Structure formats: structure tokens, C-alpha cells
Amino acid sequence: MWVKGDIVLTVALHRLRLLFARKDGGQRIYDVRILDHDTMERVRACVRAGLGI
């Protein structure tokens, strides 16, 4: 996985769609990824560096 940390956008959550990996028996199997605390801190550091703060 990668992060594009130098562009910050504001989006409405209700306009986002969950990505689904496949369908299993007619039901969608969603691709849900959860970042651990250390990875999220690295993402925040990336965004700060991209913004120059």
C-alpha cells in the first residue's frame, strides 16, 4: 500500500463507496483495511511533510 500525502482533499463521507473485492453467493465481500497506530502516525507525518508543517 502507499499514501499520496501531499494533496489534502475534503470529501463528504456519504459520497464515498466501499470497495468490494468480489461477490460470494450474490453478496459483496468488502475490502476493509484498518491501519495500526504506528502506520497512521507515519501517514500523518507524510501529510505534514507534504504540507510543509
Protein backbone atom coordinates (compact mmCIF):
# COMPACT_ATOMS: atom_id res chain seq x y z
CA MET A 1 0.00 0.00 0.00
CA TRP A 2 1.08 3.59 -0.49
CA VAL A 3 -0.01 7.06 0.60
CA LYS A 4 -0.28 10.19 -1.53
CA GLY A 5 0.38 12.61 1.30
CA ASP A 6 0.99 15.92 -0.46
CA ILE A 7 -2.60 16.56 -1.59
CA VAL A 8 -5.31 17.05 1.02
CA LEU A 9 -8.94 16.94 -0.07
CA THR A 10 -12.24 17.43 1.69
CA VAL A 11 -14.85 14.87 0.77
CA ALA A 12 -18.33 14.06 2.00
CA LEU A 13 -18.41 10.60 3.57
CA HIS A 14 -21.88 9.92 2.17
CA ARG A 15 -20.45 10.23 -1.36
CA LEU A 16 -17.79 7.58 -0.84
CA ARG A 17 -18.42 3.98 -1.77
CA LEU A 18 -16.83 0.98 -0.15
CA LEU A 19 -14.65 -1.08 -2.45
CA PHE A 20 -15.63 -4.68 -2.75
CA ALA A 21 -13.24 -7.47 -3.60
CA ARG A 22 -15.70 -9.98 -5.04
CA LYS A 23 -19.18 -11.39 -4.78
CA ASP A 24 -19.78 -14.56 -2.82
CA GLY A 25 -23.16 -16.15 -3.35
CA GLY A 26 -24.70 -12.89 -4.54
CA GLN A 27 -23.35 -10.85 -1.63
CA ARG A 28 -20.50 -8.39 -1.88
CA ILE A 29 -17.36 -9.04 0.12
CA TYR A 30 -15.98 -5.61 1.04
CA ASP A 31 -12.26 -4.83 1.22
CA VAL A 32 -11.87 -3.29 4.68
CA ARG A 33 -8.41 -2.27 5.80
CA ILE A 34 -7.56 -0.91 9.22
CA LEU A 35 -4.30 0.91 9.84
CA ASP A 36 -2.47 0.29 13.09
CA HIS A 37 -1.38 3.23 15.25
CA ASP A 38 2.25 3.27 14.01
CA THR A 39 1.22 3.24 10.34
CA MET A 40 -1.31 6.03 10.92
CA GLU A 41 1.38 8.13 12.59
CA ARG A 42 3.60 7.61 9.52
CA VAL A 43 0.70 8.72 7.30
CA ARG A 44 0.22 11.86 9.40
CA ALA A 45 3.97 12.60 9.20
CA CYS A 46 3.78 12.21 5.41
CA VAL A 47 0.89 14.66 5.17
CA ARG A 48 2.68 17.16 7.43
CA ALA A 49 5.82 16.91 5.29
CA GLY A 50 3.78 17.35 2.11
CA LEU A 51 2.15 20.47 3.53
CA GLY A 52 5.43 21.79 4.90
CA ILE A 53 4.27 21.96 8.51
